[in-house]
Protein backbone atom coordinates (compact mmCIF):
# COMPACT_ATOMS: atom_id res chain seq x y z
CA MET A 1 112.87 96.27 81.19
CA SER A 2 112.75 93.60 84.27
CA VAL A 3 115.24 94.82 87.07
CA ASP A 4 115.79 92.88 90.35
CA THR A 5 116.32 95.94 92.49
CA SER A 6 117.18 93.90 95.64
CA GLN A 7 120.50 92.94 93.76
CA VAL A 8 120.91 96.36 91.78
CA LEU A 9 120.11 99.07 94.09
CA ASP A 10 119.36 98.85 97.61
CA PHE A 11 120.75 100.19 100.70
CA PRO A 12 119.55 101.13 104.31
CA ILE A 13 117.51 103.90 104.97
CA THR A 14 119.30 105.44 107.78
CA ASP A 15 119.19 109.49 107.12
CA SER A 16 117.36 111.51 109.68
CA GLY A 17 115.47 113.72 106.66
CA PRO A 18 112.11 113.85 106.05
CA LEU A 19 111.88 111.44 103.34
CA SER A 20 113.54 108.89 105.28
CA ARG A 21 111.57 109.18 108.32
CA GLU A 22 108.30 109.18 106.38
CA ALA A 23 109.86 105.57 104.69
CA ARG A 24 110.75 104.43 108.16
CA SER A 25 107.40 105.37 109.83
CA ARG A 26 105.91 103.07 107.09
CA GLY A 27 108.00 99.94 107.54
CA TYR A 28 110.52 100.56 105.01
CA GLY A 29 114.22 100.07 106.18
CA ARG A 30 115.70 99.52 102.95
CA PHE A 31 115.58 101.23 99.60
CA ALA A 32 114.33 98.12 97.87
CA GLU A 33 111.29 97.61 100.41
CA ALA A 34 110.30 101.47 99.54
CA ALA A 35 110.62 101.21 95.85
CA GLU A 36 108.65 97.92 95.58
CA ALA A 37 105.81 99.37 97.59
CA VAL A 38 105.95 102.59 95.46
CA ARG A 39 105.60 100.49 92.41
CA ALA A 40 102.98 98.59 93.89
CA LEU A 41 100.90 101.69 94.42
CA PRO A 42 97.90 102.55 92.05
CA TYR A 43 98.77 104.67 89.10
CA GLY A 44 97.10 108.04 89.51
CA ARG A 45 97.91 111.60 89.39
CA ILE A 46 98.62 112.92 93.23
CA GLN A 47 96.82 116.50 94.38
CA ASP A 48 99.78 118.18 95.64
CA ALA A 49 102.31 117.86 92.75
CA GLU A 50 104.67 119.96 94.89
CA ASP A 51 104.93 117.53 97.76
CA ILE A 52 107.50 115.14 97.22
CA LYS A 53 105.85 112.69 100.17
CA ALA A 54 102.27 113.02 98.40
CA VAL A 55 103.04 109.43 96.90
CA LEU A 56 103.04 107.88 100.24
CA LYS A 57 100.50 110.23 101.67
CA GLU A 58 98.03 109.76 99.09
CA GLN A 59 98.99 106.25 98.32
CA LYS A 60 99.32 106.61 94.52
CA GLY A 61 101.43 107.95 91.93
CA THR A 62 102.19 108.51 88.14
CA CYS A 63 105.96 107.79 87.05
CA SER A 64 106.69 111.24 87.89
CA ALA A 65 105.42 111.15 91.53
CA LYS A 66 106.80 107.67 92.20
CA HIS A 67 110.25 108.37 90.65
CA ARG A 68 110.64 111.58 91.97
CA PHE A 69 109.97 110.67 95.66
CA LEU A 70 112.70 107.46 95.02
CA ALA A 71 115.29 109.71 93.66
CA ALA A 72 115.06 112.20 96.33
CA LEU A 73 114.99 109.61 98.72
CA ALA A 74 118.12 108.05 97.48
CA HIS A 75 119.85 111.43 97.39
CA GLU A 76 118.81 112.22 101.18
CA CYS A 77 120.58 108.91 102.00
CA GLY A 78 123.61 110.13 100.20
CA HIS A 79 123.28 108.17 97.07
CA LEU A 80 123.74 111.19 94.55
CA GLU A 81 124.61 108.57 91.88
CA VAL A 82 120.82 107.45 91.27
CA GLN A 83 119.54 109.91 88.50
CA LEU A 84 116.37 110.81 88.16
CA MET A 85 115.33 110.54 84.38
CA ILE A 86 113.00 112.13 81.76
CA GLY A 87 112.55 110.06 78.61
CA LEU A 88 110.74 110.70 75.64
CA TYR A 89 109.19 107.60 73.78
CA GLU A 90 106.76 106.54 71.33
CA MET A 91 103.57 105.53 73.61
CA SER A 92 101.59 103.02 71.95
CA GLU A 93 99.33 100.13 72.80
CA ARG A 94 102.16 97.69 72.38
CA ASN A 95 104.42 99.24 74.76
CA THR A 96 101.61 100.86 77.27
CA PRO A 97 98.66 98.64 77.32
CA GLY A 98 95.50 100.56 77.78
CA VAL A 99 95.97 103.44 76.08
CA GLY A 100 94.91 101.95 72.34
CA ALA A 101 91.40 103.42 72.56
CA ALA A 102 92.56 106.79 73.24
CA LEU A 103 95.00 106.81 70.25
CA GLY A 104 92.28 105.65 67.85
CA GLN A 105 93.96 105.78 64.19
CA LEU A 106 97.20 106.87 65.81
CA SER A 107 99.85 104.29 66.18
CA ALA A 108 101.62 106.08 68.76
CA ILE A 109 102.19 109.61 70.64
CA PRO A 110 105.25 111.03 72.29
CA GLU A 111 105.15 110.63 75.98
CA ALA A 112 107.61 111.78 78.76
CA HIS A 113 108.32 109.04 80.92
CA CYS A 114 110.22 109.31 84.43
CA TYR A 115 112.26 106.46 85.84
CA LEU A 116 115.84 106.14 87.59
CA MET A 117 119.11 105.61 86.12
CA TYR A 118 121.76 103.63 88.31
CA GLY A 119 124.88 101.90 87.09
CA GLY A 120 123.93 102.19 83.45
CA ASN A 121 120.59 100.51 84.33
CA ARG A 122 117.10 102.18 83.69
CA LEU A 123 114.83 101.25 86.59
CA ASP A 124 111.27 101.63 86.03
CA PHE A 125 109.19 101.49 89.26
CA THR A 126 105.88 103.00 87.77
CA GLY A 127 103.90 99.64 88.31
CA VAL A 128 101.72 99.53 85.20
CA ALA A 129 101.23 96.49 83.32
CA ALA A 130 103.82 95.28 80.82
CA GLY A 131 103.26 95.51 77.14
CA ALA A 132 104.63 93.44 74.61
CA SER A 133 107.47 95.51 74.18
CA SER A 134 109.38 98.05 76.55
CA PRO A 135 108.95 101.78 76.25
CA PHE A 136 112.81 101.99 76.20
CA GLU A 137 112.66 100.07 73.13
CA SER A 138 110.87 103.14 71.48
CA LEU A 139 112.91 105.81 73.54
CA ILE A 140 113.78 109.02 71.49
CA GLU A 141 115.99 110.64 73.98
CA GLU A 142 116.58 111.18 77.51
CA ARG A 143 117.88 113.55 80.06
CA PRO A 144 118.75 113.55 83.85
CA VAL A 145 116.77 115.88 85.79
CA SER A 146 116.94 116.98 89.74
CA PRO A 147 113.89 116.10 91.81
CA SER A 148 113.21 119.47 92.74
CA ASP A 149 112.94 120.59 89.27
CA LEU A 150 110.98 118.08 87.85
CA PRO A 151 107.32 119.27 88.03
CA SER A 152 108.08 122.46 86.03
CA THR A 153 110.67 120.67 83.90
CA LYS A 154 108.77 117.88 82.42
CA LEU A 155 105.67 119.71 81.70
CA ALA A 156 107.52 122.29 79.30
CA TYR A 157 109.71 119.54 77.85
CA HIS A 158 106.76 117.30 77.12
CA ARG A 159 104.72 120.55 75.78
CA ARG A 160 107.27 121.27 73.45
CA ALA A 161 107.71 117.90 72.15
CA ILE A 162 103.79 117.42 71.49
CA ASP A 163 103.88 120.63 69.90
CA ALA A 164 106.70 119.69 67.53
CA TRP A 165 105.28 116.30 66.53
CA ALA A 166 101.80 117.55 65.78
CA ARG A 167 103.17 120.44 63.60
CA ALA A 168 105.23 117.90 61.73
CA ARG A 169 101.75 116.13 61.22
CA GLY A 170 99.51 118.93 60.28
CA MET A 171 97.68 118.23 63.59
CA ASP A 172 96.43 120.86 66.12
CA ALA A 173 98.76 120.80 69.34
CA GLY A 174 95.96 120.96 71.50
CA HIS A 175 94.10 118.09 69.76
CA ALA A 176 97.13 116.41 70.38
CA TRP A 177 97.96 117.19 73.86
CA ALA A 178 94.21 116.03 74.75
CA ILE A 179 94.59 112.74 73.08
CA ARG A 180 97.50 112.33 75.45
CA GLU A 181 95.54 113.30 78.43
CA ARG A 182 92.95 110.53 77.60
CA CYS A 183 95.61 108.14 77.31
CA ILE A 184 96.83 109.15 81.11
CA ALA A 185 93.35 109.01 82.18
CA LEU A 186 92.99 105.27 80.89
CA LEU A 187 96.05 104.21 82.67
CA ALA A 188 94.71 105.76 85.80
CA ASN A 189 92.00 103.04 85.79
CA SER A 190 94.78 100.14 85.46
CA THR A 191 95.77 98.21 88.50
CA PRO A 192 99.22 97.65 89.64
CA HIS A 193 101.07 94.36 88.77
CA THR A 194 100.22 91.30 90.85
CA ASP A 195 103.79 90.52 91.35
CA ALA A 196 104.53 94.22 92.37
CA GLN A 197 101.65 94.09 95.04
CA ALA A 198 103.30 90.60 96.18
CA ASN A 199 106.61 91.91 96.39
CA ALA A 200 105.54 95.11 98.18
CA ALA A 201 103.83 92.97 100.79
CA HIS A 202 106.91 90.69 101.04
CA CYS A 203 109.33 93.62 101.62
CA LYS A 204 107.19 95.07 104.27
CA GLY A 205 107.13 91.67 105.94
CA GLN A 206 110.71 91.52 105.94
CA SER A 207 111.31 94.83 107.32
CA ALA A 208 108.69 94.22 110.24
CA ARG A 209 110.47 91.22 111.23
CA ALA A 210 114.04 92.93 110.91
CA GLY A 211 112.48 95.61 113.45
CA GLY A 212 111.52 93.00 115.78
CA ARG A 213 115.08 91.24 115.81
CA GLU A 214 116.56 94.44 116.54
CA ARG A 215 114.27 95.34 119.47
């Protein structure tokens, strides 16, 4: 799902909270700039899952870490209408390129994916390569979650979904989860979109120039 965030979701980062200060210290004066910079970061698990700012500190993140930070940043700036979402979709090579080698004979496996919801639009800043179809085309269900609750909520939610899926197929749930973990490991070796990297660089350049005019 392609979304022009500069038109759909953007506002100045003016709050004095810790996330806003962290974003501005890195040259991001507007939400769209921060969002594109986060999208361009490599896909990978952060070390400190409890630290919302870890995605910027460690310069990487999964869908969870990236969208948790962006949702919390939006809320800190007073935009509570921006929702953090967990969506369960059927992950396959077609909608998530790179996982096919881990899936083996399986056509797909349930994956809990995080993204933002704003004005009825799903906004995905994960930054992995696009597939032949969108994960949202294979969406099974979705629910909003608060950024503070995400780390514990998502894992339990995903575990239950994998367990039920495995039982329905006569598969060991531990084996199914191991397959999912191999999928994530393969994605961690992927690189961000070239256009995402260019957009992030462009946004940072705009922010720096704007800062120069203000001074």
